Amino acid sequence: MGTIVNSPTLVDRAVQNVSEAGMAAIEAISEAVEICLRPTAMSTLTALFGLASFVFLPGAGTKLYRGVDLIVMSGFSGLPSSH
């Protein structure tokens, strides 16, 4: 979810850099990525590590949601979800 939420923030920041700060396009995008990369990476990693416990560790509650968690993890990591 953080990846989806932060994408428009990245674009908006780059547009602001060009229109308000008068930066060149490449410079504006580089600055926007520098600002937005950490929150995007942190939210993605948090979700991946949180779901990993349900996918890889055995337990009574993990069997029920293992398939759904694997699909969501695959979506975050960019891996195909069919195994």
Protein backbone atom coordinates (compact mmCIF):
# COMPACT_ATOMS: atom_id res chain seq x y z
CA MET A 1 0.00 0.00 0.00
CA GLY A 2 2.85 2.38 0.76
CA THR A 3 4.25 1.92 -2.71
CA ILE A 4 0.95 2.96 -4.28
CA VAL A 5 0.48 5.90 -1.94
CA ASN A 6 4.01 7.26 -2.41
CA SER A 7 4.04 7.16 -6.23
CA PRO A 8 1.75 10.21 -6.64
CA THR A 9 3.80 11.96 -3.96
CA LEU A 10 6.95 11.41 -6.02
CA VAL A 11 5.35 12.81 -9.18
CA ASP A 12 3.86 15.77 -7.31
CA ARG A 13 7.21 16.57 -5.73
CA ALA A 14 8.96 16.49 -9.12
CA VAL A 15 6.31 18.77 -10.66
CA GLN A 16 6.68 21.22 -7.76
CA ASN A 17 10.45 21.20 -8.20
CA VAL A 18 10.09 22.12 -11.87
CA SER A 19 7.33 24.70 -11.51
CA GLU A 20 8.20 26.40 -8.21
CA ALA A 21 11.93 25.89 -7.82
CA GLY A 22 12.74 26.18 -11.51
CA MET A 23 14.83 23.01 -11.58
CA ALA A 24 15.65 21.11 -14.74
CA ALA A 25 13.56 17.96 -15.24
CA ILE A 26 16.34 15.46 -14.43
CA GLU A 27 17.40 17.41 -11.35
CA ALA A 28 13.78 17.71 -10.16
CA ILE A 29 13.19 13.97 -10.54
CA SER A 30 16.46 13.10 -8.79
CA GLU A 31 15.58 15.29 -5.82
CA ALA A 32 12.06 13.86 -5.64
CA VAL A 33 13.37 10.29 -5.69
CA GLU A 34 15.91 11.15 -3.00
CA ILE A 35 13.13 12.48 -0.75
CA CYS A 36 10.50 9.79 -1.46
CA LEU A 37 12.63 6.65 -1.73
CA ARG A 38 13.14 6.05 1.98
CA PRO A 39 9.44 6.11 3.02
CA THR A 40 8.52 3.92 0.04
CA ALA A 41 11.26 1.41 0.80
CA MET A 42 10.45 1.34 4.51
CA SER A 43 6.74 0.69 3.98
CA THR A 44 7.45 -2.03 1.41
CA LEU A 45 10.04 -3.76 3.60
CA THR A 46 7.78 -3.58 6.65
CA ALA A 47 4.96 -5.26 4.73
CA LEU A 48 7.29 -7.92 3.28
CA PHE A 49 8.81 -8.83 6.64
CA GLY A 50 5.43 -8.77 8.36
CA LEU A 51 3.92 -11.16 5.83
CA ALA A 52 7.01 -13.38 5.71
CA SER A 53 6.25 -14.74 9.16
CA PHE A 54 2.89 -16.03 7.94
CA VAL A 55 4.30 -17.52 4.74
CA PHE A 56 7.49 -19.18 6.01
CA LEU A 57 6.86 -20.06 9.68
CA PRO A 58 4.64 -22.99 10.62
CA GLY A 59 1.75 -22.48 13.00
CA ALA A 60 -1.96 -22.92 13.53
CA GLY A 61 -3.04 -19.52 12.21
CA THR A 62 -0.64 -19.35 9.31
CA LYS A 63 -2.19 -22.18 7.26
CA LEU A 64 -5.42 -20.31 6.76
CA TYR A 65 -3.91 -17.17 5.22
CA ARG A 66 -0.68 -18.55 3.71
CA GLY A 67 -1.96 -18.37 0.11
CA VAL A 68 -3.24 -14.83 0.40
CA ASP A 69 -0.08 -13.66 2.15
CA LEU A 70 2.08 -15.24 -0.55
CA ILE A 71 0.12 -13.42 -3.27
CA VAL A 72 0.44 -10.09 -1.47
CA MET A 73 4.17 -10.62 -0.87
CA SER A 74 4.66 -11.46 -4.54
CA GLY A 75 2.91 -8.24 -5.50
CA PHE A 76 5.27 -6.19 -3.33
CA SER A 77 8.41 -7.94 -4.50
CA GLY A 78 7.49 -8.14 -8.19
CA LEU A 79 7.76 -11.94 -8.26
CA PRO A 80 5.17 -14.08 -10.02
CA SER A 81 2.57 -15.35 -7.55
CA SER A 82 2.04 -18.82 -9.02
CA HIS A 83 4.34 -21.49 -7.55
